[in-house]
N, C-alpha and C. Protein backbone atom coordinates (compact mmCIF):
# COMPACT_ATOMS: atom_id res chain seq x y z
N MET A 1 -14.54 -30.74 -14.28
CA MET A 1 -13.12 -30.44 -14.47
C MET A 1 -12.36 -31.77 -14.56
N ASP A 2 -11.59 -32.00 -15.66
CA ASP A 2 -10.88 -33.27 -15.80
C ASP A 2 -9.61 -33.29 -14.94
N LEU A 3 -9.00 -34.46 -14.88
CA LEU A 3 -7.85 -34.66 -14.02
C LEU A 3 -6.69 -33.74 -14.39
N PHE A 4 -6.45 -33.56 -15.68
CA PHE A 4 -5.35 -32.70 -16.13
C PHE A 4 -5.58 -31.26 -15.68
N THR A 5 -6.81 -30.79 -15.84
CA THR A 5 -7.13 -29.41 -15.46
C THR A 5 -6.96 -29.21 -13.96
N ARG A 6 -7.44 -30.19 -13.16
CA ARG A 6 -7.30 -30.10 -11.71
C ARG A 6 -5.83 -30.08 -11.30
N PHE A 7 -5.03 -30.95 -11.91
CA PHE A 7 -3.61 -31.02 -11.60
C PHE A 7 -2.92 -29.72 -11.99
N ASN A 8 -3.26 -29.22 -13.16
CA ASN A 8 -2.65 -27.98 -13.65
C ASN A 8 -3.00 -26.80 -12.74
N ARG A 9 -4.27 -26.73 -12.28
CA ARG A 9 -4.70 -25.65 -11.39
C ARG A 9 -3.94 -25.73 -10.06
N LYS A 10 -3.81 -26.97 -9.52
CA LYS A 10 -3.09 -27.14 -8.25
C LYS A 10 -1.63 -26.73 -8.42
N SER A 11 -1.04 -27.08 -9.55
CA SER A 11 0.36 -26.72 -9.82
C SER A 11 0.54 -25.22 -9.86
N ILE A 12 -0.41 -24.52 -10.50
CA ILE A 12 -0.37 -23.06 -10.57
C ILE A 12 -0.50 -22.46 -9.18
N ASP A 13 -1.48 -22.97 -8.41
CA ASP A 13 -1.71 -22.47 -7.05
C ASP A 13 -0.46 -22.64 -6.19
N ASP A 14 0.15 -23.82 -6.25
CA ASP A 14 1.34 -24.08 -5.45
C ASP A 14 2.48 -23.14 -5.81
N ARG A 15 2.68 -22.92 -7.10
CA ARG A 15 3.75 -22.03 -7.55
C ARG A 15 3.49 -20.60 -7.08
N GLN A 16 2.22 -20.18 -7.17
CA GLN A 16 1.88 -18.82 -6.76
C GLN A 16 2.10 -18.60 -5.27
N ILE A 17 1.73 -19.60 -4.46
CA ILE A 17 1.92 -19.47 -3.02
C ILE A 17 3.41 -19.44 -2.69
N ASP A 18 4.19 -20.28 -3.37
CA ASP A 18 5.65 -20.25 -3.17
C ASP A 18 6.21 -18.88 -3.52
N THR A 19 5.72 -18.32 -4.62
CA THR A 19 6.17 -16.99 -5.04
C THR A 19 5.74 -15.93 -4.04
N LEU A 20 4.50 -16.04 -3.56
CA LEU A 20 3.98 -15.08 -2.59
C LEU A 20 4.81 -15.12 -1.31
N ILE A 21 5.18 -16.30 -0.85
CA ILE A 21 6.00 -16.42 0.35
C ILE A 21 7.35 -15.73 0.14
N GLY A 22 7.92 -15.94 -1.06
CA GLY A 22 9.19 -15.30 -1.37
C GLY A 22 9.07 -13.79 -1.41
N ILE A 23 8.00 -13.29 -2.03
CA ILE A 23 7.75 -11.85 -2.09
C ILE A 23 7.55 -11.29 -0.69
N SER A 24 6.78 -12.01 0.12
CA SER A 24 6.50 -11.56 1.49
C SER A 24 7.79 -11.42 2.29
N LYS A 25 8.67 -12.41 2.18
CA LYS A 25 9.95 -12.35 2.90
C LYS A 25 10.76 -11.13 2.47
N GLY A 26 10.73 -10.85 1.16
CA GLY A 26 11.48 -9.71 0.66
C GLY A 26 10.90 -8.39 1.14
N LEU A 27 9.57 -8.28 1.16
CA LEU A 27 8.91 -7.02 1.54
C LEU A 27 9.08 -6.70 3.02
N ILE A 28 9.16 -7.73 3.86
CA ILE A 28 9.25 -7.47 5.31
C ILE A 28 10.68 -7.53 5.83
N ALA A 29 11.64 -7.75 4.94
CA ALA A 29 13.03 -7.94 5.36
C ALA A 29 13.59 -6.76 6.14
N ASP A 30 13.12 -5.54 5.81
CA ASP A 30 13.63 -4.35 6.51
C ASP A 30 12.75 -3.94 7.69
N GLY A 31 11.79 -4.82 8.06
CA GLY A 31 10.97 -4.56 9.23
C GLY A 31 9.76 -3.68 9.01
N LYS A 32 9.46 -3.37 7.75
CA LYS A 32 8.27 -2.53 7.46
C LYS A 32 7.84 -2.76 6.02
N VAL A 33 6.62 -2.28 5.70
CA VAL A 33 6.12 -2.32 4.33
C VAL A 33 5.73 -0.90 3.95
N ASP A 34 6.37 -0.34 2.92
CA ASP A 34 6.09 1.04 2.57
C ASP A 34 5.08 1.13 1.41
N GLN A 35 4.78 2.34 0.99
CA GLN A 35 3.77 2.59 -0.05
C GLN A 35 4.11 1.87 -1.35
N ALA A 36 5.34 2.05 -1.83
CA ALA A 36 5.74 1.45 -3.11
C ALA A 36 5.66 -0.08 -3.04
N GLU A 37 6.06 -0.64 -1.90
CA GLU A 37 6.03 -2.09 -1.75
C GLU A 37 4.59 -2.61 -1.74
N SER A 38 3.70 -1.88 -1.09
CA SER A 38 2.30 -2.31 -1.05
C SER A 38 1.67 -2.23 -2.44
N GLU A 39 2.05 -1.23 -3.23
CA GLU A 39 1.52 -1.09 -4.59
C GLU A 39 2.05 -2.20 -5.50
N PHE A 40 3.31 -2.56 -5.29
CA PHE A 40 3.88 -3.69 -6.05
C PHE A 40 3.13 -4.97 -5.72
N LEU A 41 2.89 -5.19 -4.43
CA LEU A 41 2.17 -6.39 -3.99
C LEU A 41 0.77 -6.42 -4.59
N LEU A 42 0.08 -5.29 -4.57
CA LEU A 42 -1.27 -5.22 -5.13
C LEU A 42 -1.25 -5.59 -6.61
N SER A 43 -0.30 -5.06 -7.35
CA SER A 43 -0.19 -5.35 -8.77
C SER A 43 0.04 -6.84 -9.01
N TRP A 44 0.90 -7.44 -8.21
CA TRP A 44 1.17 -8.88 -8.36
C TRP A 44 -0.07 -9.71 -8.03
N LEU A 45 -0.78 -9.33 -6.98
CA LEU A 45 -1.98 -10.06 -6.57
C LEU A 45 -3.07 -9.98 -7.64
N ILE A 46 -3.24 -8.79 -8.23
CA ILE A 46 -4.25 -8.62 -9.28
C ILE A 46 -3.93 -9.53 -10.47
N GLN A 47 -2.66 -9.56 -10.85
CA GLN A 47 -2.24 -10.40 -11.98
C GLN A 47 -2.41 -11.88 -11.65
N SER A 48 -2.05 -12.27 -10.43
CA SER A 48 -2.12 -13.67 -10.02
C SER A 48 -3.56 -14.14 -9.88
N ARG A 49 -4.44 -13.24 -9.46
CA ARG A 49 -5.85 -13.58 -9.25
C ARG A 49 -6.51 -14.09 -10.52
N GLN A 50 -6.01 -13.68 -11.67
CA GLN A 50 -6.61 -14.08 -12.94
C GLN A 50 -6.44 -15.57 -13.22
N ASN A 51 -5.46 -16.19 -12.53
CA ASN A 51 -5.16 -17.59 -12.81
C ASN A 51 -5.41 -18.53 -11.63
N THR A 52 -6.10 -18.03 -10.61
CA THR A 52 -6.27 -18.89 -9.42
C THR A 52 -7.54 -18.55 -8.65
N ASP A 53 -8.01 -19.55 -7.90
CA ASP A 53 -9.11 -19.34 -6.95
C ASP A 53 -8.60 -19.57 -5.54
N ASN A 54 -7.29 -19.54 -5.37
CA ASN A 54 -6.70 -19.79 -4.07
C ASN A 54 -7.18 -18.75 -3.06
N PRO A 55 -7.76 -19.19 -1.94
CA PRO A 55 -8.32 -18.24 -0.97
C PRO A 55 -7.27 -17.33 -0.34
N VAL A 56 -6.03 -17.78 -0.23
CA VAL A 56 -4.98 -16.93 0.33
C VAL A 56 -4.76 -15.71 -0.57
N ILE A 57 -4.66 -15.96 -1.88
CA ILE A 57 -4.46 -14.87 -2.85
C ILE A 57 -5.68 -13.94 -2.84
N ILE A 58 -6.87 -14.54 -2.87
CA ILE A 58 -8.11 -13.76 -2.95
C ILE A 58 -8.28 -12.88 -1.70
N ASN A 59 -8.08 -13.47 -0.53
CA ASN A 59 -8.28 -12.73 0.71
C ASN A 59 -7.24 -11.63 0.88
N LEU A 60 -5.99 -11.92 0.53
CA LEU A 60 -4.95 -10.91 0.65
C LEU A 60 -5.19 -9.77 -0.33
N LEU A 61 -5.62 -10.10 -1.54
CA LEU A 61 -5.94 -9.07 -2.53
C LEU A 61 -7.04 -8.16 -2.00
N ASP A 62 -8.07 -8.76 -1.41
CA ASP A 62 -9.18 -7.98 -0.86
C ASP A 62 -8.69 -7.02 0.22
N LYS A 63 -7.83 -7.51 1.11
CA LYS A 63 -7.33 -6.68 2.20
C LYS A 63 -6.45 -5.53 1.69
N VAL A 64 -5.54 -5.85 0.75
CA VAL A 64 -4.64 -4.81 0.23
C VAL A 64 -5.43 -3.78 -0.58
N ASN A 65 -6.44 -4.25 -1.31
CA ASN A 65 -7.30 -3.33 -2.06
C ASN A 65 -7.95 -2.31 -1.14
N ILE A 66 -8.47 -2.77 -0.01
CA ILE A 66 -9.14 -1.89 0.95
C ILE A 66 -8.14 -0.91 1.56
N MET A 67 -6.94 -1.41 1.88
CA MET A 67 -5.92 -0.54 2.47
C MET A 67 -5.53 0.59 1.54
N LEU A 68 -5.51 0.30 0.25
CA LEU A 68 -5.02 1.28 -0.73
C LEU A 68 -6.14 1.99 -1.49
N GLU A 69 -7.39 1.79 -1.07
CA GLU A 69 -8.49 2.40 -1.82
C GLU A 69 -8.45 3.92 -1.77
N ASP A 70 -7.82 4.48 -0.72
CA ASP A 70 -7.68 5.94 -0.66
C ASP A 70 -6.33 6.41 -1.22
N GLY A 71 -5.56 5.45 -1.75
CA GLY A 71 -4.29 5.79 -2.36
C GLY A 71 -3.13 5.96 -1.40
N VAL A 72 -3.40 5.77 -0.10
CA VAL A 72 -2.35 5.98 0.90
C VAL A 72 -2.31 4.80 1.87
N LEU A 73 -1.11 4.28 2.12
CA LEU A 73 -0.91 3.25 3.13
C LEU A 73 -0.43 3.95 4.40
N ASP A 74 -1.34 4.12 5.39
CA ASP A 74 -0.93 4.84 6.60
C ASP A 74 -0.17 3.91 7.54
N GLU A 75 0.27 4.43 8.67
CA GLU A 75 1.13 3.68 9.58
C GLU A 75 0.47 2.39 10.09
N GLU A 76 -0.78 2.49 10.48
CA GLU A 76 -1.46 1.31 11.02
C GLU A 76 -1.71 0.28 9.94
N GLU A 77 -2.05 0.73 8.73
CA GLU A 77 -2.25 -0.20 7.62
C GLU A 77 -0.94 -0.87 7.26
N SER A 78 0.15 -0.11 7.31
CA SER A 78 1.48 -0.66 7.04
C SER A 78 1.81 -1.75 8.05
N GLN A 79 1.51 -1.50 9.33
CA GLN A 79 1.78 -2.50 10.37
C GLN A 79 0.90 -3.73 10.18
N GLU A 80 -0.36 -3.50 9.83
CA GLU A 80 -1.28 -4.62 9.62
C GLU A 80 -0.81 -5.49 8.45
N LEU A 81 -0.39 -4.84 7.36
CA LEU A 81 0.08 -5.57 6.19
C LEU A 81 1.37 -6.33 6.51
N PHE A 82 2.25 -5.69 7.27
CA PHE A 82 3.48 -6.36 7.69
C PHE A 82 3.14 -7.64 8.47
N ASN A 83 2.20 -7.54 9.40
CA ASN A 83 1.80 -8.70 10.20
C ASN A 83 1.24 -9.83 9.33
N LEU A 84 0.42 -9.44 8.34
CA LEU A 84 -0.17 -10.44 7.46
C LEU A 84 0.90 -11.17 6.65
N LEU A 85 1.83 -10.39 6.08
CA LEU A 85 2.89 -10.99 5.27
C LEU A 85 3.83 -11.83 6.15
N HIS A 86 4.04 -11.36 7.36
CA HIS A 86 4.89 -12.11 8.29
C HIS A 86 4.28 -13.47 8.58
N SER A 87 2.96 -13.52 8.71
CA SER A 87 2.28 -14.78 9.00
C SER A 87 2.41 -15.74 7.82
N LEU A 88 2.47 -15.20 6.61
CA LEU A 88 2.57 -16.04 5.41
C LEU A 88 3.93 -16.69 5.26
N THR A 89 4.95 -16.11 5.86
CA THR A 89 6.30 -16.65 5.71
C THR A 89 6.51 -17.90 6.54
N GLY A 90 5.57 -18.19 7.45
CA GLY A 90 5.68 -19.40 8.26
C GLY A 90 6.59 -19.26 9.45
N ASP A 91 6.96 -18.01 9.80
CA ASP A 91 7.79 -17.81 10.98
C ASP A 91 7.00 -18.20 12.23
N PRO A 92 7.69 -18.71 13.24
CA PRO A 92 7.01 -19.19 14.45
C PRO A 92 6.14 -18.13 15.13
N SER A 93 6.59 -16.88 15.11
CA SER A 93 5.83 -15.84 15.82
C SER A 93 4.57 -15.43 15.09
N ALA A 94 4.49 -15.76 13.79
CA ALA A 94 3.32 -15.51 12.95
C ALA A 94 2.69 -14.15 13.19
N ILE A 95 1.34 -14.11 13.16
CA ILE A 95 0.66 -12.81 13.21
C ILE A 95 0.33 -12.41 14.64
N GLY A 96 1.34 -12.15 15.40
CA GLY A 96 1.11 -11.69 16.76
C GLY A 96 0.52 -12.76 17.66
N GLU A 97 0.81 -12.70 18.89
CA GLU A 97 0.24 -13.62 19.85
C GLU A 97 -0.86 -12.91 20.63
N LEU A 98 -1.86 -13.68 21.04
CA LEU A 98 -2.93 -13.08 21.81
C LEU A 98 -2.36 -12.53 23.11
N ALA A 99 -2.62 -11.27 23.34
CA ALA A 99 -2.02 -10.63 24.51
C ALA A 99 -2.77 -11.01 25.78
N LYS A 100 -2.03 -11.09 26.85
CA LYS A 100 -2.66 -11.29 28.16
C LYS A 100 -3.29 -9.97 28.58
N THR A 101 -4.51 -10.00 29.05
CA THR A 101 -5.19 -8.76 29.40
C THR A 101 -4.45 -7.99 30.49
N THR A 102 -3.72 -8.72 31.32
CA THR A 102 -3.00 -8.04 32.40
C THR A 102 -1.85 -7.19 31.88
N SER A 103 -1.40 -7.45 30.65
CA SER A 103 -0.28 -6.72 30.09
C SER A 103 -0.73 -5.50 29.29
N LEU A 104 -2.04 -5.34 29.16
CA LEU A 104 -2.58 -4.23 28.38
C LEU A 104 -3.33 -3.27 29.31
N PRO A 105 -3.29 -1.97 28.98
CA PRO A 105 -3.89 -0.96 29.85
C PRO A 105 -5.40 -0.83 29.70
N ILE A 106 -6.10 -1.95 29.68
CA ILE A 106 -7.56 -1.89 29.52
C ILE A 106 -8.22 -1.58 30.87
N ASN A 107 -9.42 -1.04 30.81
CA ASN A 107 -10.16 -0.76 32.03
C ASN A 107 -10.52 -2.06 32.73
N ASN A 108 -10.35 -2.08 34.02
CA ASN A 108 -10.64 -3.27 34.81
C ASN A 108 -11.45 -2.88 36.05
N PRO A 109 -12.68 -3.39 36.17
CA PRO A 109 -13.31 -4.36 35.27
C PRO A 109 -13.79 -3.69 33.98
N LEU A 110 -13.97 -4.50 32.95
CA LEU A 110 -14.46 -3.96 31.69
C LEU A 110 -15.90 -3.49 31.86
N PRO A 111 -16.20 -2.26 31.45
CA PRO A 111 -17.54 -1.70 31.65
C PRO A 111 -18.55 -2.14 30.59
N LYS A 112 -19.80 -1.91 30.88
CA LYS A 112 -20.83 -2.12 29.88
C LYS A 112 -20.67 -1.05 28.81
N ILE A 113 -20.79 -1.42 27.54
CA ILE A 113 -20.55 -0.48 26.44
C ILE A 113 -21.88 0.05 25.89
N SER A 114 -21.94 1.35 25.70
CA SER A 114 -23.06 1.99 25.02
C SER A 114 -22.57 2.40 23.65
N PHE A 115 -23.37 2.19 22.62
CA PHE A 115 -22.96 2.52 21.25
C PHE A 115 -23.60 3.81 20.74
N GLU A 116 -24.87 3.98 21.01
CA GLU A 116 -25.61 5.11 20.44
C GLU A 116 -24.96 6.44 20.80
N GLY A 117 -24.46 7.14 19.78
CA GLY A 117 -23.89 8.47 19.96
C GLY A 117 -22.52 8.50 20.62
N MET A 118 -21.94 7.33 20.89
CA MET A 118 -20.63 7.27 21.54
C MET A 118 -19.53 7.11 20.49
N SER A 119 -18.35 7.65 20.80
CA SER A 119 -17.25 7.62 19.82
C SER A 119 -16.27 6.49 20.10
N PHE A 120 -15.79 5.87 19.02
CA PHE A 120 -14.89 4.73 19.09
C PHE A 120 -13.68 4.98 18.18
N LEU A 121 -12.54 4.51 18.64
CA LEU A 121 -11.33 4.56 17.83
C LEU A 121 -10.64 3.21 17.94
N PHE A 122 -10.31 2.61 16.80
CA PHE A 122 -9.65 1.31 16.77
C PHE A 122 -8.16 1.48 16.52
N THR A 123 -7.37 0.66 17.21
CA THR A 123 -5.93 0.73 17.00
C THR A 123 -5.35 -0.67 17.05
N GLY A 124 -4.27 -0.89 16.31
CA GLY A 124 -3.70 -2.22 16.22
C GLY A 124 -4.46 -3.07 15.22
N THR A 125 -4.06 -4.31 15.04
CA THR A 125 -4.67 -5.23 14.09
C THR A 125 -5.81 -6.00 14.74
N CYS A 126 -6.98 -5.95 14.12
CA CYS A 126 -8.17 -6.59 14.67
C CYS A 126 -8.45 -7.94 14.01
N ALA A 127 -9.01 -8.87 14.78
CA ALA A 127 -9.39 -10.18 14.25
C ALA A 127 -10.71 -10.08 13.49
N PHE A 128 -11.57 -9.13 13.88
CA PHE A 128 -12.89 -8.97 13.27
C PHE A 128 -12.76 -8.63 11.78
N GLY A 129 -11.77 -7.84 11.46
CA GLY A 129 -11.56 -7.38 10.09
C GLY A 129 -10.63 -6.18 10.11
N ASN A 130 -10.51 -5.50 8.98
CA ASN A 130 -9.68 -4.30 8.99
C ASN A 130 -10.44 -3.15 9.67
N ARG A 131 -9.76 -2.04 9.84
CA ARG A 131 -10.39 -0.92 10.59
C ARG A 131 -11.67 -0.43 9.93
N LYS A 132 -11.69 -0.39 8.61
CA LYS A 132 -12.88 0.10 7.92
C LYS A 132 -14.09 -0.80 8.20
N GLN A 133 -13.84 -2.11 8.27
CA GLN A 133 -14.93 -3.04 8.58
C GLN A 133 -15.41 -2.87 10.02
N CYS A 134 -14.48 -2.65 10.94
CA CYS A 134 -14.84 -2.42 12.34
C CYS A 134 -15.64 -1.12 12.47
N GLN A 135 -15.23 -0.11 11.73
CA GLN A 135 -15.92 1.18 11.78
C GLN A 135 -17.34 1.07 11.23
N THR A 136 -17.49 0.33 10.14
CA THR A 136 -18.82 0.13 9.54
C THR A 136 -19.74 -0.59 10.53
N ALA A 137 -19.21 -1.61 11.21
CA ALA A 137 -20.01 -2.35 12.19
C ALA A 137 -20.42 -1.43 13.33
N THR A 138 -19.52 -0.57 13.77
CA THR A 138 -19.83 0.36 14.87
C THR A 138 -20.93 1.33 14.46
N GLU A 139 -20.82 1.87 13.26
CA GLU A 139 -21.82 2.83 12.77
C GLU A 139 -23.18 2.17 12.59
N SER A 140 -23.18 0.87 12.28
CA SER A 140 -24.45 0.18 12.01
C SER A 140 -25.35 0.10 13.23
N ILE A 141 -24.76 0.27 14.44
CA ILE A 141 -25.59 0.24 15.65
C ILE A 141 -25.49 1.56 16.43
N GLY A 142 -25.22 2.63 15.70
CA GLY A 142 -25.32 3.96 16.30
C GLY A 142 -24.05 4.59 16.81
N GLY A 143 -22.93 3.88 16.72
CA GLY A 143 -21.68 4.45 17.19
C GLY A 143 -21.09 5.46 16.22
N ILE A 144 -20.15 6.24 16.71
CA ILE A 144 -19.47 7.25 15.90
C ILE A 144 -17.98 6.90 15.87
N ASN A 145 -17.36 7.01 14.71
CA ASN A 145 -15.94 6.70 14.59
C ASN A 145 -15.10 7.96 14.72
N ALA A 146 -14.19 7.94 15.68
CA ALA A 146 -13.29 9.08 15.90
C ALA A 146 -12.05 8.92 15.03
N LYS A 147 -11.37 10.03 14.76
CA LYS A 147 -10.18 9.99 13.91
C LYS A 147 -8.89 9.99 14.72
N SER A 148 -8.99 10.39 15.99
CA SER A 148 -7.78 10.45 16.81
C SER A 148 -8.15 10.40 18.29
N VAL A 149 -7.14 10.25 19.13
CA VAL A 149 -7.37 10.23 20.57
C VAL A 149 -7.48 11.67 21.08
N THR A 150 -8.65 12.02 21.57
CA THR A 150 -8.89 13.35 22.15
C THR A 150 -9.61 13.17 23.47
N LYS A 151 -9.81 14.26 24.19
CA LYS A 151 -10.52 14.19 25.47
C LYS A 151 -12.00 13.88 25.28
N LYS A 152 -12.49 13.99 24.06
CA LYS A 152 -13.89 13.70 23.79
C LYS A 152 -14.12 12.24 23.38
N LEU A 153 -13.03 11.48 23.19
CA LEU A 153 -13.15 10.07 22.80
C LEU A 153 -13.75 9.26 23.95
N ASN A 154 -14.71 8.41 23.61
CA ASN A 154 -15.34 7.56 24.63
C ASN A 154 -14.63 6.22 24.80
N TYR A 155 -14.31 5.56 23.68
CA TYR A 155 -13.71 4.23 23.75
C TYR A 155 -12.52 4.09 22.79
N LEU A 156 -11.41 3.62 23.32
CA LEU A 156 -10.28 3.21 22.48
C LEU A 156 -10.31 1.68 22.48
N VAL A 157 -10.44 1.10 21.29
CA VAL A 157 -10.55 -0.35 21.16
C VAL A 157 -9.21 -0.92 20.70
N LEU A 158 -8.64 -1.81 21.52
CA LEU A 158 -7.36 -2.42 21.18
C LEU A 158 -7.59 -3.70 20.39
N GLY A 159 -7.03 -3.77 19.18
CA GLY A 159 -7.18 -4.95 18.34
C GLY A 159 -6.65 -6.20 19.02
N THR A 160 -7.20 -7.34 18.65
CA THR A 160 -6.84 -8.62 19.25
C THR A 160 -5.34 -8.89 19.17
N TYR A 161 -4.71 -8.41 18.08
CA TYR A 161 -3.28 -8.70 17.89
C TYR A 161 -2.37 -7.61 18.44
N VAL A 162 -2.89 -6.77 19.32
CA VAL A 162 -2.03 -5.85 20.07
C VAL A 162 -1.34 -6.70 21.12
N THR A 163 -0.01 -6.79 21.04
CA THR A 163 0.73 -7.64 21.98
C THR A 163 1.24 -6.83 23.15
N ASP A 164 1.86 -7.54 24.09
CA ASP A 164 2.36 -6.85 25.28
C ASP A 164 3.57 -5.98 25.00
N SER A 165 4.01 -5.96 23.74
CA SER A 165 5.09 -5.05 23.35
C SER A 165 4.53 -3.81 22.66
N TRP A 166 3.26 -3.50 22.96
CA TRP A 166 2.55 -2.42 22.27
C TRP A 166 3.28 -1.08 22.33
N ALA A 167 4.01 -0.82 23.39
CA ALA A 167 4.67 0.48 23.56
C ALA A 167 5.70 0.74 22.46
N HIS A 168 6.18 -0.33 21.83
CA HIS A 168 7.20 -0.19 20.80
C HIS A 168 6.61 -0.21 19.39
N GLU A 169 5.30 -0.35 19.29
CA GLU A 169 4.65 -0.40 17.98
C GLU A 169 4.19 0.99 17.54
N SER A 170 3.84 1.10 16.25
CA SER A 170 3.42 2.39 15.70
C SER A 170 2.16 2.92 16.37
N TYR A 171 1.30 2.01 16.84
CA TYR A 171 0.05 2.44 17.47
C TYR A 171 0.22 2.75 18.96
N GLY A 172 1.44 2.56 19.48
CA GLY A 172 1.68 2.77 20.90
C GLY A 172 1.40 4.18 21.37
N ARG A 173 1.61 5.17 20.50
CA ARG A 173 1.40 6.57 20.88
C ARG A 173 -0.07 6.85 21.21
N LYS A 174 -0.97 6.21 20.46
CA LYS A 174 -2.41 6.39 20.74
C LYS A 174 -2.76 5.84 22.11
N ILE A 175 -2.22 4.66 22.41
CA ILE A 175 -2.52 4.04 23.69
C ILE A 175 -1.96 4.88 24.84
N GLU A 176 -0.74 5.36 24.68
CA GLU A 176 -0.12 6.18 25.72
C GLU A 176 -0.92 7.46 25.96
N LYS A 177 -1.38 8.07 24.88
CA LYS A 177 -2.15 9.32 25.00
C LYS A 177 -3.47 9.06 25.71
N ALA A 178 -4.12 7.95 25.36
CA ALA A 178 -5.39 7.59 26.00
C ALA A 178 -5.18 7.31 27.49
N MET A 179 -4.09 6.64 27.81
CA MET A 179 -3.79 6.35 29.21
C MET A 179 -3.57 7.63 30.00
N GLN A 180 -2.89 8.60 29.38
CA GLN A 180 -2.62 9.87 30.05
C GLN A 180 -3.91 10.62 30.34
N TYR A 181 -4.79 10.68 29.35
CA TYR A 181 -6.09 11.34 29.55
C TYR A 181 -6.87 10.64 30.66
N ARG A 182 -6.88 9.32 30.62
CA ARG A 182 -7.62 8.55 31.62
C ARG A 182 -7.07 8.80 33.01
N ASP A 183 -5.73 8.84 33.12
CA ASP A 183 -5.09 9.10 34.41
C ASP A 183 -5.40 10.50 34.92
N ASP A 184 -5.66 11.41 33.97
CA ASP A 184 -5.97 12.80 34.33
C ASP A 184 -7.44 13.00 34.67
N GLY A 185 -8.20 11.91 34.64
CA GLY A 185 -9.61 12.00 35.02
C GLY A 185 -10.59 12.08 33.88
N VAL A 186 -10.10 12.07 32.64
CA VAL A 186 -11.00 12.09 31.48
C VAL A 186 -11.70 10.72 31.40
N PRO A 187 -13.02 10.69 31.22
CA PRO A 187 -13.75 9.42 31.19
C PRO A 187 -13.56 8.65 29.88
N LEU A 188 -12.30 8.42 29.53
CA LEU A 188 -11.97 7.68 28.31
C LEU A 188 -11.74 6.22 28.72
N ILE A 189 -12.40 5.31 28.02
CA ILE A 189 -12.35 3.89 28.38
C ILE A 189 -11.55 3.10 27.34
N ILE A 190 -10.61 2.29 27.81
CA ILE A 190 -9.80 1.45 26.92
C ILE A 190 -10.31 0.02 27.04
N ILE A 191 -10.74 -0.55 25.91
CA ILE A 191 -11.33 -1.88 25.92
C ILE A 191 -10.67 -2.79 24.88
N THR A 192 -10.92 -4.08 25.02
CA THR A 192 -10.41 -5.04 24.04
C THR A 192 -11.38 -5.16 22.87
N GLU A 193 -10.86 -5.62 21.75
CA GLU A 193 -11.71 -5.86 20.58
C GLU A 193 -12.79 -6.89 20.91
N GLU A 194 -12.43 -7.91 21.68
CA GLU A 194 -13.39 -8.96 22.04
C GLU A 194 -14.57 -8.38 22.82
N HIS A 195 -14.29 -7.46 23.75
CA HIS A 195 -15.35 -6.85 24.54
C HIS A 195 -16.25 -6.00 23.65
N TRP A 196 -15.64 -5.26 22.72
CA TRP A 196 -16.41 -4.45 21.76
C TRP A 196 -17.32 -5.34 20.91
N ALA A 197 -16.76 -6.44 20.40
CA ALA A 197 -17.52 -7.34 19.52
C ALA A 197 -18.66 -8.01 20.27
N ASN A 198 -18.40 -8.44 21.50
CA ASN A 198 -19.44 -9.10 22.29
C ASN A 198 -20.58 -8.13 22.63
N ALA A 199 -20.20 -6.89 22.94
CA ALA A 199 -21.22 -5.89 23.29
C ALA A 199 -22.10 -5.54 22.10
N GLY A 200 -21.51 -5.57 20.93
CA GLY A 200 -22.28 -5.23 19.72
C GLY A 200 -22.91 -6.42 19.04
N TYR A 201 -22.70 -7.61 19.61
CA TYR A 201 -23.21 -8.87 19.03
C TYR A 201 -22.74 -9.03 17.59
N PHE A 202 -21.49 -8.67 17.34
CA PHE A 202 -20.95 -8.79 15.98
C PHE A 202 -20.47 -10.22 15.73
């Protein structure tokens, strides 16, 4: 690749990132990302991908593609996308702060995890990957993925980016319901994503 080509590619990449930051600020301005906004973002990323190898564009395109592969941006995916775009804007709070374990309703002490035939439900934004990737990893070693919090759920896994303000987030209802069942004597265990990942050697 000659000097002109390298310079031109860098110039394109820089302009695209500047544009992406501007788009991100616009999409999160009202505090959420809806279906139409996510589809607009996907369209822009697909078009931009043709002219760049920038890892930010590529990785974001991959994530948004997975979120919209079923044609629907659900509440948790909307929150996850909002967090990602928020991190791109360069705001100080970025993509959530690592929560202190004392501020989260996890089981203490954290128990040994069994995967074979046990049900897992992920909530909040995970560092390991999106929910579909976490679910695939769980299934690969015998776990079962649950669709909601019920009395039959074995483990509720809190994503790494669940902050101590979880009660005000969209996923807060799942945590509250799990806590209620646990308080009522249901053997439902609330664990961190880190504990889940370490137990599964992911």
